[in-house]
PDB file of all heavy atoms in Angstrom:
ATOM      1  N   LEU A   1       0.850  -1.181  -0.012  1.00  0.00           N
ATOM      2  CA  LEU A   1       0.016   0.044  -0.011  1.00  0.00           C
ATOM      3  C   LEU A   1       0.857   1.250   0.011  1.00  0.00           C
ATOM      4  O   LEU A   1       1.910   1.285   0.691  1.00  0.00           O
ATOM      5  CB  LEU A   1      -0.913   0.026   1.250  1.00  0.00           C
ATOM      6  CG  LEU A   1      -1.877  -1.056   1.349  1.00  0.00           C
ATOM      7  CD1 LEU A   1      -2.580  -1.061   2.811  1.00  0.00           C
ATOM      8  CD2 LEU A   1      -2.965  -0.991   0.265  1.00  0.00           C
ATOM      9  N   ASP A   2       0.456   2.241  -0.750  1.00  0.00           N
ATOM     10  CA  ASP A   2       1.233   3.469  -0.695  1.00  0.00           C
ATOM     11  C   ASP A   2       0.686   4.334   0.431  1.00  0.00           C
ATOM     12  O   ASP A   2      -0.401   3.971   1.036  1.00  0.00           O
ATOM     13  CB  ASP A   2       1.248   4.198  -2.032  1.00  0.00           C
ATOM     14  CG  ASP A   2      -0.118   4.623  -2.516  1.00  0.00           C
ATOM     15  OD1 ASP A   2      -1.077   4.694  -1.773  1.00  0.00           O
ATOM     16  OD2 ASP A   2      -0.177   5.037  -3.701  1.00  0.00           O
ATOM     17  N   SER A   3       1.324   5.481   0.750  1.00  0.00           N
ATOM     18  CA  SER A   3       0.902   6.321   1.887  1.00  0.00           C
ATOM     19  C   SER A   3      -0.473   6.815   1.713  1.00  0.00           C
ATOM     20  O   SER A   3      -1.187   6.950   2.646  1.00  0.00           O
ATOM     21  CB  SER A   3       1.833   7.378   2.067  1.00  0.00           C
ATOM     22  OG  SER A   3       1.895   8.263   1.013  1.00  0.00           O
ATOM     23  N   ASP A   4      -0.986   7.096   0.515  1.00  0.00           N
ATOM     24  CA  ASP A   4      -2.287   7.586   0.271  1.00  0.00           C
ATOM     25  C   ASP A   4      -3.331   6.504   0.548  1.00  0.00           C
ATOM     26  O   ASP A   4      -4.415   6.780   1.129  1.00  0.00           O
ATOM     27  CB  ASP A   4      -2.549   8.115  -1.141  1.00  0.00           C
ATOM     28  CG  ASP A   4      -1.702   9.388  -1.491  1.00  0.00           C
ATOM     29  OD1 ASP A   4      -1.399  10.081  -0.492  1.00  0.00           O
ATOM     30  OD2 ASP A   4      -1.349   9.642  -2.604  1.00  0.00           O
ATOM     31  N   ASP A   5      -3.035   5.252   0.231  1.00  0.00           N
ATOM     32  CA  ASP A   5      -3.938   4.138   0.525  1.00  0.00           C
ATOM     33  C   ASP A   5      -4.122   4.086   2.021  1.00  0.00           C
ATOM     34  O   ASP A   5      -5.176   3.931   2.522  1.00  0.00           O
ATOM     35  CB  ASP A   5      -3.367   2.877  -0.006  1.00  0.00           C
ATOM     36  CG  ASP A   5      -3.368   2.757  -1.487  1.00  0.00           C
ATOM     37  OD1 ASP A   5      -4.241   3.426  -2.160  1.00  0.00           O
ATOM     38  OD2 ASP A   5      -2.441   2.105  -2.024  1.00  0.00           O
ATOM     39  N   VAL A   6      -3.009   4.102   2.711  1.00  0.00           N
ATOM     40  CA  VAL A   6      -2.996   3.972   4.265  1.00  0.00           C
ATOM     41  C   VAL A   6      -3.844   5.118   4.799  1.00  0.00           C
ATOM     42  O   VAL A   6      -4.644   4.950   5.672  1.00  0.00           O
ATOM     43  CB  VAL A   6      -1.606   3.956   4.816  1.00  0.00           C
ATOM     44  CG1 VAL A   6      -1.629   4.059   6.276  1.00  0.00           C
ATOM     45  CG2 VAL A   6      -0.830   2.746   4.248  1.00  0.00           C
ATOM     46  N   LYS A   7      -3.769   6.354   4.283  1.00  0.00           N
ATOM     47  CA  LYS A   7      -4.528   7.440   4.811  1.00  0.00           C
ATOM     48  C   LYS A   7      -5.950   7.299   4.589  1.00  0.00           C
ATOM     49  O   LYS A   7      -6.699   7.631   5.401  1.00  0.00           O
ATOM     50  CB  LYS A   7      -4.004   8.860   4.065  1.00  0.00           C
ATOM     51  CG  LYS A   7      -2.610   9.264   4.573  1.00  0.00           C
ATOM     52  CD  LYS A   7      -2.104  10.406   3.867  1.00  0.00           C
ATOM     53  CE  LYS A   7      -0.706  10.728   4.214  1.00  0.00           C
ATOM     54  NZ  LYS A   7      -0.117  11.873   3.384  1.00  0.00           N
ATOM     55  N   LEU A   8      -6.257   6.831   3.382  1.00  0.00           N
ATOM     56  CA  LEU A   8      -7.747   6.583   3.085  1.00  0.00           C
ATOM     57  C   LEU A   8      -8.303   5.518   4.020  1.00  0.00           C
ATOM     58  O   LEU A   8      -9.480   5.715   4.399  1.00  0.00           O
ATOM     59  CB  LEU A   8      -7.927   6.227   1.590  1.00  0.00           C
ATOM     60  CG  LEU A   8      -7.811   7.254   0.545  1.00  0.00           C
ATOM     61  CD1 LEU A   8      -7.815   6.756  -0.813  1.00  0.00           C
ATOM     62  CD2 LEU A   8      -9.024   8.289   0.818  1.00  0.00           C
ATOM     63  N   ILE A   9      -7.629   4.458   4.169  1.00  0.00           N
ATOM     64  CA  ILE A   9      -8.119   3.369   4.996  1.00  0.00           C
ATOM     65  C   ILE A   9      -8.213   3.822   6.505  1.00  0.00           C
ATOM     66  O   ILE A   9      -9.230   3.583   7.153  1.00  0.00           O
ATOM     67  CB  ILE A   9      -7.190   2.117   4.931  1.00  0.00           C
ATOM     68  CG1 ILE A   9      -7.343   1.532   3.509  1.00  0.00           C
ATOM     69  CG2 ILE A   9      -7.519   1.135   5.934  1.00  0.00           C
ATOM     70  CD1 ILE A   9      -6.256   0.528   3.141  1.00  0.00           C
ATOM     71  N   ARG A  10      -7.221   4.620   6.946  1.00  0.00           N
ATOM     72  CA  ARG A  10      -7.377   5.125   8.322  1.00  0.00           C
ATOM     73  C   ARG A  10      -8.535   6.080   8.466  1.00  0.00           C
ATOM     74  O   ARG A  10      -9.204   6.127   9.529  1.00  0.00           O
ATOM     75  CB  ARG A  10      -6.052   5.806   8.641  1.00  0.00           C
ATOM     76  CG  ARG A  10      -4.891   4.861   8.952  1.00  0.00           C
ATOM     77  CD  ARG A  10      -3.688   5.599   9.382  1.00  0.00           C
ATOM     78  NE  ARG A  10      -2.543   4.595   9.655  1.00  0.00           N
ATOM     79  CZ  ARG A  10      -1.328   4.895   9.738  1.00  0.00           C
ATOM     80  NH1 ARG A  10      -0.868   6.127   9.626  1.00  0.00           N
ATOM     81  NH2 ARG A  10      -0.441   3.971   9.925  1.00  0.00           N
ATOM     82  N   CYS A  11      -8.670   6.934   7.502  1.00  0.00           N
ATOM     83  CA  CYS A  11      -9.808   7.883   7.558  1.00  0.00           C
ATOM     84  C   CYS A  11     -11.171   7.140   7.573  1.00  0.00           C
ATOM     85  O   CYS A  11     -11.996   7.507   8.364  1.00  0.00           O
ATOM     86  CB  CYS A  11      -9.768   8.844   6.322  1.00  0.00           C
ATOM     87  SG  CYS A  11     -11.195  10.026   6.190  1.00  0.00           S
ATOM     88  N   ASN A  12     -11.231   6.117   6.767  1.00  0.00           N
ATOM     89  CA  ASN A  12     -12.434   5.394   6.748  1.00  0.00           C
ATOM     90  C   ASN A  12     -12.630   4.584   8.104  1.00  0.00           C
ATOM     91  O   ASN A  12     -13.759   4.638   8.636  1.00  0.00           O
ATOM     92  CB  ASN A  12     -12.380   4.297   5.682  1.00  0.00           C
ATOM     93  CG  ASN A  12     -13.540   3.325   5.653  1.00  0.00           C
ATOM     94  OD1 ASN A  12     -14.648   3.731   5.587  1.00  0.00           O
ATOM     95  ND2 ASN A  12     -13.275   2.053   5.782  1.00  0.00           N
ATOM     96  N   ASN A  13     -11.619   4.066   8.637  1.00  0.00           N
ATOM     97  CA  ASN A  13     -11.714   3.406   9.933  1.00  0.00           C
ATOM     98  C   ASN A  13     -12.136   4.371  11.085  1.00  0.00           C
ATOM     99  O   ASN A  13     -12.971   4.027  11.968  1.00  0.00           O
ATOM    100  CB  ASN A  13     -10.432   2.698  10.309  1.00  0.00           C
ATOM    101  CG  ASN A  13     -10.120   1.452   9.438  1.00  0.00           C
ATOM    102  OD1 ASN A  13     -11.046   1.028   8.760  1.00  0.00           O
ATOM    103  ND2 ASN A  13      -8.849   1.062   9.443  1.00  0.00           N
ATOM    104  N   CYS A  14     -11.545   5.581  11.014  1.00  0.00           N
ATOM    105  CA  CYS A  14     -11.911   6.596  12.033  1.00  0.00           C
ATOM    106  C   CYS A  14     -13.373   6.995  11.906  1.00  0.00           C
ATOM    107  O   CYS A  14     -14.094   7.133  13.000  1.00  0.00           O
ATOM    108  CB  CYS A  14     -11.029   7.851  11.917  1.00  0.00           C
ATOM    109  SG  CYS A  14      -9.298   7.569  12.498  1.00  0.00           S
ATOM    110  N   LEU A  15     -13.851   7.167  10.695  1.00  0.00           N
ATOM    111  CA  LEU A  15     -15.245   7.527  10.455  1.00  0.00           C
ATOM    112  C   LEU A  15     -16.172   6.332  10.986  1.00  0.00           C
ATOM    113  O   LEU A  15     -17.252   6.630  11.488  1.00  0.00           O
ATOM    114  CB  LEU A  15     -15.530   7.877   9.028  1.00  0.00           C
ATOM    115  CG  LEU A  15     -14.986   9.180   8.510  1.00  0.00           C
ATOM    116  CD1 LEU A  15     -15.095   9.332   7.039  1.00  0.00           C
ATOM    117  CD2 LEU A  15     -15.794  10.357   9.260  1.00  0.00           C
ATOM    118  N   GLN A  16     -15.724   5.089  10.718  1.00  0.00           N
ATOM    119  CA  GLN A  16     -16.542   4.036  11.177  1.00  0.00           C
ATOM    120  C   GLN A  16     -16.718   4.002  12.667  1.00  0.00           C
ATOM    121  O   GLN A  16     -17.748   3.744  13.273  1.00  0.00           O
ATOM    122  CB  GLN A  16     -16.013   2.718  10.681  1.00  0.00           C
ATOM    123  CG  GLN A  16     -16.061   2.484   9.145  1.00  0.00           C
ATOM    124  CD  GLN A  16     -17.410   2.638   8.534  1.00  0.00           C
ATOM    125  OE1 GLN A  16     -18.380   2.142   9.065  1.00  0.00           O
ATOM    126  NE2 GLN A  16     -17.517   3.332   7.395  1.00  0.00           N
ATOM    127  N   LEU A  17     -15.544   4.235  13.300  1.00  0.00           N
ATOM    128  CA  LEU A  17     -15.493   4.284  14.755  1.00  0.00           C
ATOM    129  C   LEU A  17     -16.342   5.424  15.317  1.00  0.00           C
ATOM    130  O   LEU A  17     -17.048   5.257  16.365  1.00  0.00           O
ATOM    131  CB  LEU A  17     -14.027   4.348  15.301  1.00  0.00           C
ATOM    132  CG  LEU A  17     -13.829   4.388  16.743  1.00  0.00           C
ATOM    133  CD1 LEU A  17     -14.370   3.136  17.381  1.00  0.00           C
ATOM    134  CD2 LEU A  17     -12.413   4.651  17.098  1.00  0.00           C
ATOM    135  N   LEU A  18     -16.165   6.564  14.702  1.00  0.00           N
ATOM    136  CA  LEU A  18     -17.013   7.766  15.131  1.00  0.00           C
ATOM    137  C   LEU A  18     -18.518   7.486  15.005  1.00  0.00           C
ATOM    138  O   LEU A  18     -19.275   7.800  15.905  1.00  0.00           O
ATOM    139  CB  LEU A  18     -16.643   8.960  14.266  1.00  0.00           C
ATOM    140  CG  LEU A  18     -17.445  10.270  14.551  1.00  0.00           C
ATOM    141  CD1 LEU A  18     -17.221  10.776  15.954  1.00  0.00           C
ATOM    142  CD2 LEU A  18     -17.035  11.307  13.531  1.00  0.00           C
ATOM    143  N   ALA A  19     -18.906   6.837  13.900  1.00  0.00           N
ATOM    144  CA  ALA A  19     -20.319   6.489  13.692  1.00  0.00           C
ATOM    145  C   ALA A  19     -20.804   5.486  14.771  1.00  0.00           C
ATOM    146  O   ALA A  19     -21.885   5.676  15.255  1.00  0.00           O
ATOM    147  CB  ALA A  19     -20.532   5.889  12.330  1.00  0.00           C
ATOM    148  N   CYS A  20     -19.947   4.596  15.081  1.00  0.00           N
ATOM    149  CA  CYS A  20     -20.314   3.561  16.101  1.00  0.00           C
ATOM    150  C   CYS A  20     -20.463   4.248  17.478  1.00  0.00           C
ATOM    151  O   CYS A  20     -21.383   4.039  18.203  1.00  0.00           O
ATOM    152  CB  CYS A  20     -19.201   2.444  16.163  1.00  0.00           C
ATOM    153  SG  CYS A  20     -19.564   1.148  17.296  1.00  0.00           S
ATOM    154  N   VAL A  21     -19.494   5.097  17.875  1.00  0.00           N
ATOM    155  CA  VAL A  21     -19.580   5.770  19.144  1.00  0.00           C
ATOM    156  C   VAL A  21     -20.705   6.706  19.183  1.00  0.00           C
ATOM    157  O   VAL A  21     -21.457   6.736  20.149  1.00  0.00           O
ATOM    158  CB  VAL A  21     -18.235   6.529  19.318  1.00  0.00           C
ATOM    159  CG1 VAL A  21     -18.272   7.501  20.557  1.00  0.00           C
ATOM    160  CG2 VAL A  21     -17.062   5.597  19.604  1.00  0.00           C
ATOM    161  N   ALA A  22     -20.992   7.414  18.090  1.00  0.00           N
ATOM    162  CA  ALA A  22     -22.128   8.327  18.035  1.00  0.00           C
ATOM    163  C   ALA A  22     -23.520   7.591  18.200  1.00  0.00           C
ATOM    164  O   ALA A  22     -24.380   7.975  18.937  1.00  0.00           O
ATOM    165  CB  ALA A  22     -22.110   9.146  16.703  1.00  0.00           C
ATOM    166  N   SER A  23     -23.512   6.436  17.546  1.00  0.00           N
ATOM    167  CA  SER A  23     -24.832   5.665  17.742  1.00  0.00           C
ATOM    168  C   SER A  23     -24.968   5.051  19.080  1.00  0.00           C
ATOM    169  O   SER A  23     -26.109   5.093  19.638  1.00  0.00           O
ATOM    170  CB  SER A  23     -24.770   4.452  16.679  1.00  0.00           C
ATOM    171  OG  SER A  23     -24.698   4.917  15.319  1.00  0.00           O
ATOM    172  N   CYS A  24     -23.877   4.720  19.703  1.00  0.00           N
ATOM    173  CA  CYS A  24     -23.943   4.162  21.121  1.00  0.00           C
ATOM    174  C   CYS A  24     -24.376   5.295  22.103  1.00  0.00           C
ATOM    175  O   CYS A  24     -25.231   5.134  22.966  1.00  0.00           O
ATOM    176  CB  CYS A  24     -22.665   3.594  21.575  1.00  0.00           C
ATOM    177  SG  CYS A  24     -22.304   2.060  20.706  1.00  0.00           S
ATOM    178  N   LEU A  25     -23.747   6.487  21.980  1.00  0.00           N
ATOM    179  CA  LEU A  25     -24.111   7.665  22.663  1.00  0.00           C
ATOM    180  C   LEU A  25     -25.567   8.062  22.499  1.00  0.00           C
ATOM    181  O   LEU A  25     -26.236   8.503  23.452  1.00  0.00           O
ATOM    182  CB  LEU A  25     -23.144   8.852  22.385  1.00  0.00           C
ATOM    183  CG  LEU A  25     -21.714   8.735  23.028  1.00  0.00           C
ATOM    184  CD1 LEU A  25     -20.918   9.894  22.534  1.00  0.00           C
ATOM    185  CD2 LEU A  25     -21.732   8.592  24.566  1.00  0.00           C
ATOM    186  N   ASN A  26     -26.034   7.956  21.284  1.00  0.00           N
ATOM    187  CA  ASN A  26     -27.437   8.298  21.018  1.00  0.00           C
ATOM    188  C   ASN A  26     -28.426   7.358  21.670  1.00  0.00           C
ATOM    189  O   ASN A  26     -29.426   7.807  22.141  1.00  0.00           O
ATOM    190  CB  ASN A  26     -27.645   8.296  19.433  1.00  0.00           C
ATOM    191  CG  ASN A  26     -28.989   8.814  19.050  1.00  0.00           C
ATOM    192  OD1 ASN A  26     -29.440   9.845  19.727  1.00  0.00           O
ATOM    193  ND2 ASN A  26     -29.600   8.249  18.040  1.00  0.00           N
ATOM    194  N   ILE A  27     -27.984   6.102  21.876  1.00  0.00           N
ATOM    195  CA  ILE A  27     -28.874   5.206  22.559  1.00  0.00           C
ATOM    196  C   ILE A  27     -28.823   5.539  24.118  1.00  0.00           C
ATOM    197  O   ILE A  27     -29.881   5.523  24.705  1.00  0.00           O
ATOM    198  CB  ILE A  27     -28.314   3.781  22.340  1.00  0.00           C
ATOM    199  CG1 ILE A  27     -28.572   3.364  20.917  1.00  0.00           C
ATOM    200  CG2 ILE A  27     -29.083   2.754  23.334  1.00  0.00           C
ATOM    201  CD1 ILE A  27     -27.926   2.010  20.541  1.00  0.00           C
ATOM    202  N   CYS A  28     -27.617   5.877  24.610  1.00  0.00           N
ATOM    203  CA  CYS A  28     -27.527   6.077  26.017  1.00  0.00           C
ATOM    204  C   CYS A  28     -28.058   7.528  26.514  1.00  0.00           C
ATOM    205  O   CYS A  28     -28.621   7.597  27.552  1.00  0.00           O
ATOM    206  CB  CYS A  28     -26.128   5.941  26.447  1.00  0.00           C
ATOM    207  SG  CYS A  28     -25.401   4.254  26.168  1.00  0.00           S
ATOM    208  N   ILE A  29     -27.775   8.476  25.638  1.00  0.00           N
ATOM    209  CA  ILE A  29     -28.060   9.834  26.031  1.00  0.00           C
ATOM    210  C   ILE A  29     -29.086  10.413  24.977  1.00  0.00           C
ATOM    211  O   ILE A  29     -28.687  10.458  23.762  1.00  0.00           O
ATOM    212  CB  ILE A  29     -26.841  10.757  26.051  1.00  0.00           C
ATOM    213  CG1 ILE A  29     -25.791  10.200  27.035  1.00  0.00           C
ATOM    214  CG2 ILE A  29     -27.176  12.156  26.426  1.00  0.00           C
ATOM    215  CD1 ILE A  29     -24.462  10.801  26.966  1.00  0.00           C
ATOM    216  N   ASP A  30     -30.215  10.818  25.350  1.00  0.00           N
ATOM    217  CA  ASP A  30     -31.288  11.196  24.446  1.00  0.00           C
ATOM    218  C   ASP A  30     -31.382  12.667  24.481  1.00  0.00           C
ATOM    219  O   ASP A  30     -31.876  13.265  25.456  1.00  0.00           O
ATOM    220  CB  ASP A  30     -32.532  10.499  24.690  1.00  0.00           C
ATOM    221  CG  ASP A  30     -33.529  10.674  23.583  1.00  0.00           C
ATOM    222  OD1 ASP A  30     -33.128  10.930  22.449  1.00  0.00           O
ATOM    223  OD2 ASP A  30     -34.760  10.708  23.928  1.00  0.00           O
ATOM    224  N   PHE A  31     -30.953  13.439  23.400  1.00  0.00           N
ATOM    225  CA  PHE A  31     -31.137  14.835  23.332  1.00  0.00           C
ATOM    226  C   PHE A  31     -31.999  15.071  22.098  1.00  0.00           C
ATOM    227  O   PHE A  31     -32.028  14.316  21.109  1.00  0.00           O
ATOM    228  CB  PHE A  31     -29.808  15.594  23.074  1.00  0.00           C
ATOM    229  CG  PHE A  31     -28.926  15.557  24.319  1.00  0.00           C
ATOM    230  CD1 PHE A  31     -27.749  14.853  24.296  1.00  0.00           C
ATOM    231  CD2 PHE A  31     -29.277  16.323  25.433  1.00  0.00           C
ATOM    232  CE1 PHE A  31     -26.904  14.812  25.461  1.00  0.00           C
ATOM    233  CE2 PHE A  31     -28.363  16.261  26.559  1.00  0.00           C
ATOM    234  CZ  PHE A  31     -27.243  15.502  26.497  1.00  0.00           C
ATOM    235  N   ASP A  32     -32.692  16.218  22.082  1.00  0.00           N
ATOM    236  CA  ASP A  32     -33.462  16.572  20.911  1.00  0.00           C
ATOM    237  C   ASP A  32     -32.592  16.947  19.743  1.00  0.00           C
ATOM    238  O   ASP A  32     -31.666  17.651  19.876  1.00  0.00           O
ATOM    239  CB  ASP A  32     -34.407  17.871  21.222  1.00  0.00           C
ATOM    240  CG  ASP A  32     -35.473  17.521  22.310  1.00  0.00           C
ATOM    241  OD1 ASP A  32     -35.903  16.354  22.355  1.00  0.00           O
ATOM    242  OD2 ASP A  32     -35.902  18.421  23.033  1.00  0.00           O
ATOM    243  N   GLY A  33     -32.911  16.328  18.575  1.00  0.00           N
ATOM    244  CA  GLY A  33     -32.210  16.706  17.357  1.00  0.00           C
ATOM    245  C   GLY A  33     -30.922  15.831  17.149  1.00  0.00           C
ATOM    246  O   GLY A  33     -30.337  15.990  16.071  1.00  0.00           O
ATOM    247  N   ASP A  34     -30.581  14.967  18.149  1.00  0.00           N
ATOM    248  CA  ASP A  34     -29.346  14.275  17.925  1.00  0.00           C
ATOM    249  C   ASP A  34     -29.428  13.119  16.966  1.00  0.00           C
ATOM    250  O   ASP A  34     -28.477  12.630  16.397  1.00  0.00           O
ATOM    251  CB  ASP A  34     -28.729  13.819  19.240  1.00  0.00           C
ATOM    252  CG  ASP A  34     -29.727  12.863  20.049  1.00  0.00           C
ATOM    253  OD1 ASP A  34     -30.839  12.754  19.548  1.00  0.00           O
ATOM    254  OD2 ASP A  34     -29.215  12.201  21.008  1.00  0.00           O
ATOM    255  N   ASP A  35     -30.689  12.654  16.721  1.00  0.00           N
ATOM    256  CA  ASP A  35     -30.884  11.551  15.726  1.00  0.00           C
ATOM    257  C   ASP A  35     -30.474  12.040  14.288  1.00  0.00           C
ATOM    258  O   ASP A  35     -29.816  11.271  13.559  1.00  0.00           O
ATOM    259  CB  ASP A  35     -32.354  11.209  15.720  1.00  0.00           C
ATOM    260  CG  ASP A  35     -32.736  10.456  16.909  1.00  0.00           C
ATOM    261  OD1 ASP A  35     -31.903   9.926  17.637  1.00  0.00           O
ATOM    262  OD2 ASP A  35     -33.979  10.340  17.180  1.00  0.00           O
ATOM    263  N   ALA A  36     -30.700  13.332  14.006  1.00  0.00           N
ATOM    264  CA  ALA A  36     -30.259  13.796  12.684  1.00  0.00           C
ATOM    265  C   ALA A  36     -28.803  13.937  12.591  1.00  0.00           C
ATOM    266  O   ALA A  36     -28.193  13.469  11.544  1.00  0.00           O
ATOM    267  CB  ALA A  36     -30.940  15.073  12.455  1.00  0.00           C
ATOM    268  N   ILE A  37     -28.141  14.280  13.646  1.00  0.00           N
ATOM    269  CA  ILE A  37     -26.616  14.380  13.548  1.00  0.00           C
ATOM    270  C   ILE A  37     -26.008  12.951  13.506  1.00  0.00           C
ATOM    271  O   ILE A  37     -25.131  12.786  12.714  1.00  0.00           O
ATOM    272  CB  ILE A  37     -26.102  15.044  14.847  1.00  0.00           C
ATOM    273  CG1 ILE A  37     -26.571  16.537  14.897  1.00  0.00           C
ATOM    274  CG2 ILE A  37     -24.581  14.990  14.908  1.00  0.00           C
ATOM    275  CD1 ILE A  37     -26.371  17.305  16.152  1.00  0.00           C
ATOM    276  N   VAL A  38     -26.484  12.061  14.258  1.00  0.00           N
ATOM    277  CA  VAL A  38     -26.057  10.668  14.220  1.00  0.00           C
ATOM    278  C   VAL A  38     -26.250  10.084  12.817  1.00  0.00           C
ATOM    279  O   VAL A  38     -25.465   9.359  12.257  1.00  0.00           O
ATOM    280  CB  VAL A  38     -26.655   9.822  15.374  1.00  0.00           C
ATOM    281  CG1 VAL A  38     -26.271   8.348  15.188  1.00  0.00           C
ATOM    282  CG2 VAL A  38     -26.234  10.336  16.699  1.00  0.00           C
ATOM    283  N   GLY A  39     -27.476  10.343  12.360  1.00  0.00           N
ATOM    284  CA  GLY A  39     -27.730   9.881  10.942  1.00  0.00           C
ATOM    285  C   GLY A  39     -26.831  10.441   9.938  1.00  0.00           C
ATOM    286  O   GLY A  39     -26.435   9.692   9.001  1.00  0.00           O
TER     287      GLY A  39
END
C-alpha cells in the first residue's frame, strides 16, 4: 500500500469508529435533534 492508501483506510476506519460511538451515545443519552446528527 502506498501512503495515500493507508491514509484513506485510516480515515475510513476513524469515520466508522465515530459512527459507532455516536450511535452508542445516541442510545444512552437522548437529546432533541441528535438523531439527525447521528444519521
